[in-house]
Amino acid sequence: MSNGQEKAESEFKITTNWVNRSSRLKIRYPALNDDDLKFNPGDEKQLVARVAARLNKTADEVIRIIKHTY
């Protein structure tokens, strides 16, 4: 993992209503399930890793997807 990616992951924080956002993510990406999107505050890194594995995307791609899902 590059330093830039580690920095992006460590700085990424979910500050909005996660229930609404995760519902929209499940609609947009049907491969995602409730277990993939389970989130506890402060566990952003684990969430990103689960979603990245399920969608076969990088952590940076997942962070962008989450940030741009409203």
PDB file of N, CA and C in Angstrom:
ATOM      1  N   MET A   1       0.854  -1.171   0.000  1.00  0.00           N
ATOM      2  CA  MET A   1       0.000   0.000   0.000  1.00  0.00           C
ATOM      3  C   MET A   1       0.900   1.233   0.000  1.00  0.00           C
ATOM      4  N   SER A   2       0.587   2.190  -0.835  1.00  0.00           N
ATOM      5  CA  SER A   2       1.401   3.400  -0.906  1.00  0.00           C
ATOM      6  C   SER A   2       1.073   4.330   0.256  1.00  0.00           C
ATOM      7  N   ASN A   3       1.998   5.242   0.556  1.00  0.00           N
ATOM      8  CA  ASN A   3       1.762   6.197   1.637  1.00  0.00           C
ATOM      9  C   ASN A   3       0.542   7.048   1.370  1.00  0.00           C
ATOM     10  N   GLY A   4       0.313   7.431   0.104  1.00  0.00           N
ATOM     11  CA  GLY A   4      -0.864   8.234  -0.235  1.00  0.00           C
ATOM     12  C   GLY A   4      -2.151   7.507   0.068  1.00  0.00           C
ATOM     13  N   GLN A   5      -2.191   6.219  -0.243  1.00  0.00           N
ATOM     14  CA  GLN A   5      -3.395   5.437   0.020  1.00  0.00           C
ATOM     15  C   GLN A   5      -3.600   5.273   1.517  1.00  0.00           C
ATOM     16  N   GLU A   6      -2.528   5.001   2.257  1.00  0.00           N
ATOM     17  CA  GLU A   6      -2.653   4.875   3.710  1.00  0.00           C
ATOM     18  C   GLU A   6      -3.170   6.171   4.315  1.00  0.00           C
ATOM     19  N   LYS A   7      -2.675   7.307   3.820  1.00  0.00           N
ATOM     20  CA  LYS A   7      -3.110   8.603   4.331  1.00  0.00           C
ATOM     21  C   LYS A   7      -4.591   8.824   4.031  1.00  0.00           C
ATOM     22  N   ALA A   8      -5.025   8.490   2.799  1.00  0.00           N
ATOM     23  CA  ALA A   8      -6.429   8.666   2.422  1.00  0.00           C
ATOM     24  C   ALA A   8      -7.329   7.822   3.322  1.00  0.00           C
ATOM     25  N   GLU A   9      -6.918   6.579   3.585  1.00  0.00           N
ATOM     26  CA  GLU A   9      -7.717   5.705   4.434  1.00  0.00           C
ATOM     27  C   GLU A   9      -7.759   6.208   5.873  1.00  0.00           C
ATOM     28  N   SER A  10      -6.621   6.671   6.386  1.00  0.00           N
ATOM     29  CA  SER A  10      -6.591   7.100   7.782  1.00  0.00           C
ATOM     30  C   SER A  10      -7.337   8.409   7.990  1.00  0.00           C
ATOM     31  N   GLU A  11      -7.431   9.240   6.955  1.00  0.00           N
ATOM     32  CA  GLU A  11      -8.138  10.512   7.073  1.00  0.00           C
ATOM     33  C   GLU A  11      -9.624  10.393   6.763  1.00  0.00           C
ATOM     34  N   PHE A  12     -10.050   9.310   6.151  1.00  0.00           N
ATOM     35  CA  PHE A  12     -11.447   9.123   5.770  1.00  0.00           C
ATOM     36  C   PHE A  12     -12.301   8.868   6.998  1.00  0.00           C
ATOM     37  N   LYS A  13     -13.307   9.697   7.194  1.00  0.00           N
ATOM     38  CA  LYS A  13     -14.244   9.545   8.298  1.00  0.00           C
ATOM     39  C   LYS A  13     -15.672   9.656   7.773  1.00  0.00           C
ATOM     40  N   ILE A  14     -16.538   8.838   8.270  1.00  0.00           N
ATOM     41  CA  ILE A  14     -17.947   8.895   7.902  1.00  0.00           C
ATOM     42  C   ILE A  14     -18.638   9.792   8.919  1.00  0.00           C
ATOM     43  N   THR A  15     -19.170  10.906   8.422  1.00  0.00           N
ATOM     44  CA  THR A  15     -19.783  11.881   9.325  1.00  0.00           C
ATOM     45  C   THR A  15     -21.262  12.096   9.024  1.00  0.00           C
ATOM     46  N   THR A  16     -21.787  11.396   8.024  1.00  0.00           N
ATOM     47  CA  THR A  16     -23.191  11.562   7.661  1.00  0.00           C
ATOM     48  C   THR A  16     -23.996  10.364   8.152  1.00  0.00           C
ATOM     49  N   ASN A  17     -25.292  10.389   7.895  1.00  0.00           N
ATOM     50  CA  ASN A  17     -26.172   9.302   8.293  1.00  0.00           C
ATOM     51  C   ASN A  17     -25.811   8.044   7.504  1.00  0.00           C
ATOM     52  N   TRP A  18     -25.148   7.096   8.166  1.00  0.00           N
ATOM     53  CA  TRP A  18     -24.672   5.905   7.485  1.00  0.00           C
ATOM     54  C   TRP A  18     -25.815   4.994   7.038  1.00  0.00           C
ATOM     55  N   VAL A  19     -26.909   4.962   7.759  1.00  0.00           N
ATOM     56  CA  VAL A  19     -28.032   4.101   7.378  1.00  0.00           C
ATOM     57  C   VAL A  19     -28.548   4.494   6.000  1.00  0.00           C
ATOM     58  N   ASN A  20     -28.754   5.787   5.773  1.00  0.00           N
ATOM     59  CA  ASN A  20     -29.231   6.243   4.465  1.00  0.00           C
ATOM     60  C   ASN A  20     -28.201   5.981   3.371  1.00  0.00           C
ATOM     61  N   ARG A  21     -26.958   6.289   3.666  1.00  0.00           N
ATOM     62  CA  ARG A  21     -25.909   6.112   2.654  1.00  0.00           C
ATOM     63  C   ARG A  21     -25.723   4.635   2.317  1.00  0.00           C
ATOM     64  N   SER A  22     -25.733   3.768   3.315  1.00  0.00           N
ATOM     65  CA  SER A  22     -25.548   2.342   3.035  1.00  0.00           C
ATOM     66  C   SER A  22     -26.725   1.785   2.230  1.00  0.00           C
ATOM     67  N   SER A  23     -27.925   2.282   2.477  1.00  0.00           N
ATOM     68  CA  SER A  23     -29.086   1.855   1.682  1.00  0.00           C
ATOM     69  C   SER A  23     -28.904   2.227   0.217  1.00  0.00           C
ATOM     70  N   ARG A  24     -28.404   3.412  -0.024  1.00  0.00           N
ATOM     71  CA  ARG A  24     -28.165   3.844  -1.406  1.00  0.00           C
ATOM     72  C   ARG A  24     -27.041   3.039  -2.056  1.00  0.00           C
ATOM     73  N   LEU A  25     -26.027   2.700  -1.278  1.00  0.00           N
ATOM     74  CA  LEU A  25     -24.937   1.886  -1.814  1.00  0.00           C
ATOM     75  C   LEU A  25     -25.442   0.501  -2.209  1.00  0.00           C
ATOM     76  N   LYS A  26     -26.337  -0.090  -1.400  1.00  0.00           N
ATOM     77  CA  LYS A  26     -26.885  -1.404  -1.733  1.00  0.00           C
ATOM     78  C   LYS A  26     -27.708  -1.361  -3.014  1.00  0.00           C
ATOM     79  N   ILE A  27     -28.407  -0.261  -3.248  1.00  0.00           N
ATOM     80  CA  ILE A  27     -29.177  -0.114  -4.486  1.00  0.00           C
ATOM     81  C   ILE A  27     -28.227   0.007  -5.675  1.00  0.00           C
ATOM     82  N   ARG A  28     -27.206   0.826  -5.518  1.00  0.00           N
ATOM     83  CA  ARG A  28     -26.256   1.077  -6.618  1.00  0.00           C
ATOM     84  C   ARG A  28     -25.369  -0.140  -6.879  1.00  0.00           C
ATOM     85  N   TYR A  29     -25.020  -0.867  -5.825  1.00  0.00           N
ATOM     86  CA  TYR A  29     -24.138  -2.036  -5.932  1.00  0.00           C
ATOM     87  C   TYR A  29     -24.820  -3.239  -5.286  1.00  0.00           C
ATOM     88  N   PRO A  30     -25.651  -3.960  -6.040  1.00  0.00           N
ATOM     89  CA  PRO A  30     -26.423  -5.074  -5.472  1.00  0.00           C
ATOM     90  C   PRO A  30     -25.567  -6.189  -4.869  1.00  0.00           C
ATOM     91  N   ALA A  31     -24.296  -6.265  -5.212  1.00  0.00           N
ATOM     92  CA  ALA A  31     -23.419  -7.289  -4.636  1.00  0.00           C
ATOM     93  C   ALA A  31     -23.165  -7.045  -3.156  1.00  0.00           C
ATOM     94  N   LEU A  32     -23.372  -5.820  -2.687  1.00  0.00           N
ATOM     95  CA  LEU A  32     -23.137  -5.490  -1.282  1.00  0.00           C
ATOM     96  C   LEU A  32     -24.300  -5.961  -0.413  1.00  0.00           C
ATOM     97  N   ASN A  33     -23.974  -6.470   0.758  1.00  0.00           N
ATOM     98  CA  ASN A  33     -25.021  -6.883   1.687  1.00  0.00           C
ATOM     99  C   ASN A  33     -24.835  -6.167   3.024  1.00  0.00           C
ATOM    100  N   ASP A  34     -25.735  -6.441   3.954  1.00  0.00           N
ATOM    101  CA  ASP A  34     -25.699  -5.771   5.263  1.00  0.00           C
ATOM    102  C   ASP A  34     -24.385  -6.013   5.999  1.00  0.00           C
ATOM    103  N   ASP A  35     -23.841  -7.227   5.908  1.00  0.00           N
ATOM    104  CA  ASP A  35     -22.574  -7.516   6.583  1.00  0.00           C
ATOM    105  C   ASP A  35     -21.431  -6.701   5.991  1.00  0.00           C
ATOM    106  N   ASP A  36     -21.427  -6.537   4.667  1.00  0.00           N
ATOM    107  CA  ASP A  36     -20.385  -5.730   4.013  1.00  0.00           C
ATOM    108  C   ASP A  36     -20.429  -4.291   4.494  1.00  0.00           C
ATOM    109  N   LEU A  37     -21.630  -3.793   4.744  1.00  0.00           N
ATOM    110  CA  LEU A  37     -21.820  -2.376   5.049  1.00  0.00           C
ATOM    111  C   LEU A  37     -21.981  -2.093   6.539  1.00  0.00           C
ATOM    112  N   LYS A  38     -21.782  -3.111   7.378  1.00  0.00           N
ATOM    113  CA  LYS A  38     -21.867  -2.912   8.829  1.00  0.00           C
ATOM    114  C   LYS A  38     -20.777  -1.919   9.243  1.00  0.00           C
ATOM    115  N   PHE A  39     -21.162  -0.918  10.019  1.00  0.00           N
ATOM    116  CA  PHE A  39     -20.214   0.138  10.376  1.00  0.00           C
ATOM    117  C   PHE A  39     -20.375   0.579  11.814  1.00  0.00           C
ATOM    118  N   ASN A  40     -19.260   0.681  12.500  1.00  0.00           N
ATOM    119  CA  ASN A  40     -19.191   1.270  13.831  1.00  0.00           C
ATOM    120  C   ASN A  40     -18.273   2.476  13.731  1.00  0.00           C
ATOM    121  N   PRO A  41     -18.634   3.592  14.338  1.00  0.00           N
ATOM    122  CA  PRO A  41     -17.784   4.782  14.270  1.00  0.00           C
ATOM    123  C   PRO A  41     -16.339   4.456  14.646  1.00  0.00           C
ATOM    124  N   GLY A  42     -15.422   4.924  13.813  1.00  0.00           N
ATOM    125  CA  GLY A  42     -14.004   4.672  14.017  1.00  0.00           C
ATOM    126  C   GLY A  42     -13.482   3.457  13.276  1.00  0.00           C
ATOM    127  N   ASP A  43     -14.396   2.668  12.685  1.00  0.00           N
ATOM    128  CA  ASP A  43     -14.002   1.461  11.955  1.00  0.00           C
ATOM    129  C   ASP A  43     -14.061   1.646  10.441  1.00  0.00           C
ATOM    130  N   GLU A  44     -13.808   2.861   9.984  1.00  0.00           N
ATOM    131  CA  GLU A  44     -13.876   3.138   8.553  1.00  0.00           C
ATOM    132  C   GLU A  44     -12.942   2.235   7.738  1.00  0.00           C
ATOM    133  N   LYS A  45     -11.756   1.986   8.267  1.00  0.00           N
ATOM    134  CA  LYS A  45     -10.771   1.179   7.535  1.00  0.00           C
ATOM    135  C   LYS A  45     -11.296  -0.235   7.275  1.00  0.00           C
ATOM    136  N   GLN A  46     -11.938  -0.841   8.280  1.00  0.00           N
ATOM    137  CA  GLN A  46     -12.494  -2.187   8.106  1.00  0.00           C
ATOM    138  C   GLN A  46     -13.645  -2.171   7.107  1.00  0.00           C
ATOM    139  N   LEU A  47     -14.489  -1.151   7.173  1.00  0.00           N
ATOM    140  CA  LEU A  47     -15.594  -1.022   6.223  1.00  0.00           C
ATOM    141  C   LEU A  47     -15.060  -0.926   4.801  1.00  0.00           C
ATOM    142  N   VAL A  48     -14.093  -0.055   4.593  1.00  0.00           N
ATOM    143  CA  VAL A  48     -13.512   0.138   3.255  1.00  0.00           C
ATOM    144  C   VAL A  48     -12.912  -1.175   2.756  1.00  0.00           C
ATOM    145  N   ALA A  49     -12.218  -1.900   3.614  1.00  0.00           N
ATOM    146  CA  ALA A  49     -11.597  -3.169   3.209  1.00  0.00           C
ATOM    147  C   ALA A  49     -12.652  -4.190   2.780  1.00  0.00           C
ATOM    148  N   ARG A  50     -13.754  -4.289   3.539  1.00  0.00           N
ATOM    149  CA  ARG A  50     -14.819  -5.243   3.186  1.00  0.00           C
ATOM    150  C   ARG A  50     -15.452  -4.893   1.843  1.00  0.00           C
ATOM    151  N   VAL A  51     -15.783  -3.611   1.668  1.00  0.00           N
ATOM    152  CA  VAL A  51     -16.436  -3.180   0.427  1.00  0.00           C
ATOM    153  C   VAL A  51     -15.475  -3.338  -0.751  1.00  0.00           C
ATOM    154  N   ALA A  52     -14.212  -3.000  -0.551  1.00  0.00           N
ATOM    155  CA  ALA A  52     -13.216  -3.131  -1.622  1.00  0.00           C
ATOM    156  C   ALA A  52     -13.099  -4.592  -2.064  1.00  0.00           C
ATOM    157  N   ALA A  53     -13.070  -5.504  -1.105  1.00  0.00           N
ATOM    158  CA  ALA A  53     -12.974  -6.923  -1.446  1.00  0.00           C
ATOM    159  C   ALA A  53     -14.216  -7.392  -2.199  1.00  0.00           C
ATOM    160  N   ARG A  54     -15.390  -6.980  -1.742  1.00  0.00           N
ATOM    161  CA  ARG A  54     -16.637  -7.414  -2.378  1.00  0.00           C
ATOM    162  C   ARG A  54     -16.766  -6.874  -3.804  1.00  0.00           C
ATOM    163  N   LEU A  55     -16.366  -5.616  -3.997  1.00  0.00           N
ATOM    164  CA  LEU A  55     -16.525  -4.975  -5.316  1.00  0.00           C
ATOM    165  C   LEU A  55     -15.289  -5.115  -6.200  1.00  0.00           C
ATOM    166  N   ASN A  56     -14.233  -5.733  -5.669  1.00  0.00           N
ATOM    167  CA  ASN A  56     -12.984  -5.880  -6.399  1.00  0.00           C
ATOM    168  C   ASN A  56     -12.448  -4.512  -6.846  1.00  0.00           C
ATOM    169  N   LYS A  57     -12.378  -3.589  -5.898  1.00  0.00           N
ATOM    170  CA  LYS A  57     -11.898  -2.237  -6.145  1.00  0.00           C
ATOM    171  C   LYS A  57     -10.827  -1.888  -5.115  1.00  0.00           C
ATOM    172  N   THR A  58     -10.081  -0.835  -5.387  1.00  0.00           N
ATOM    173  CA  THR A  58      -9.080  -0.391  -4.425  1.00  0.00           C
ATOM    174  C   THR A  58      -9.762   0.387  -3.303  1.00  0.00           C
ATOM    175  N   ALA A  59      -9.035   0.562  -2.214  1.00  0.00           N
ATOM    176  CA  ALA A  59      -9.568   1.342  -1.094  1.00  0.00           C
ATOM    177  C   ALA A  59      -9.876   2.765  -1.532  1.00  0.00           C
ATOM    178  N   ASP A  60      -9.007   3.372  -2.339  1.00  0.00           N
ATOM    179  CA  ASP A  60      -9.259   4.736  -2.810  1.00  0.00           C
ATOM    180  C   ASP A  60     -10.530   4.812  -3.645  1.00  0.00           C
ATOM    181  N   GLU A  61     -10.765   3.806  -4.490  1.00  0.00           N
ATOM    182  CA  GLU A  61     -11.990   3.794  -5.293  1.00  0.00           C
ATOM    183  C   GLU A  61     -13.218   3.702  -4.389  1.00  0.00           C
ATOM    184  N   VAL A  62     -13.145   2.857  -3.368  1.00  0.00           N
ATOM    185  CA  VAL A  62     -14.274   2.694  -2.448  1.00  0.00           C
ATOM    186  C   VAL A  62     -14.535   3.985  -1.685  1.00  0.00           C
ATOM    187  N   ILE A  63     -13.491   4.641  -1.235  1.00  0.00           N
ATOM    188  CA  ILE A  63     -13.662   5.909  -0.523  1.00  0.00           C
ATOM    189  C   ILE A  63     -14.344   6.928  -1.417  1.00  0.00           C
ATOM    190  N   ARG A  64     -13.934   7.002  -2.682  1.00  0.00           N
ATOM    191  CA  ARG A  64     -14.591   7.924  -3.621  1.00  0.00           C
ATOM    192  C   ARG A  64     -16.058   7.549  -3.814  1.00  0.00           C
ATOM    193  N   ILE A  65     -16.339   6.274  -3.956  1.00  0.00           N
ATOM    194  CA  ILE A  65     -17.721   5.821  -4.124  1.00  0.00           C
ATOM    195  C   ILE A  65     -18.564   6.231  -2.910  1.00  0.00           C
ATOM    196  N   ILE A  66     -18.046   5.962  -1.717  1.00  0.00           N
ATOM    197  CA  ILE A  66     -18.798   6.301  -0.508  1.00  0.00           C
ATOM    198  C   ILE A  66     -19.013   7.797  -0.402  1.00  0.00           C
ATOM    199  N   LYS A  67     -17.974   8.580  -0.669  1.00  0.00           N
ATOM    200  CA  LYS A  67     -18.079  10.033  -0.570  1.00  0.00           C
ATOM    201  C   LYS A  67     -19.077  10.615  -1.553  1.00  0.00           C
ATOM    202  N   HIS A  68     -19.251   9.958  -2.704  1.00  0.00           N
ATOM    203  CA  HIS A  68     -20.123  10.517  -3.745  1.00  0.00           C
ATOM    204  C   HIS A  68     -21.470   9.825  -3.836  1.00  0.00           C
ATOM    205  N   THR A  69     -21.832   9.051  -2.833  1.00  0.00           N
ATOM    206  CA  THR A  69     -23.147   8.422  -2.789  1.00  0.00           C
ATOM    207  C   THR A  69     -24.011   9.200  -1.818  1.00  0.00           C
ATOM    208  N   TYR A  70     -25.072   9.793  -2.352  1.00  0.00           N
ATOM    209  CA  TYR A  70     -25.964  10.614  -1.530  1.00  0.00           C
ATOM    210  C   TYR A  70     -27.351  10.062  -1.498  1.00  0.00           C
TER     211      TYR A  70
END
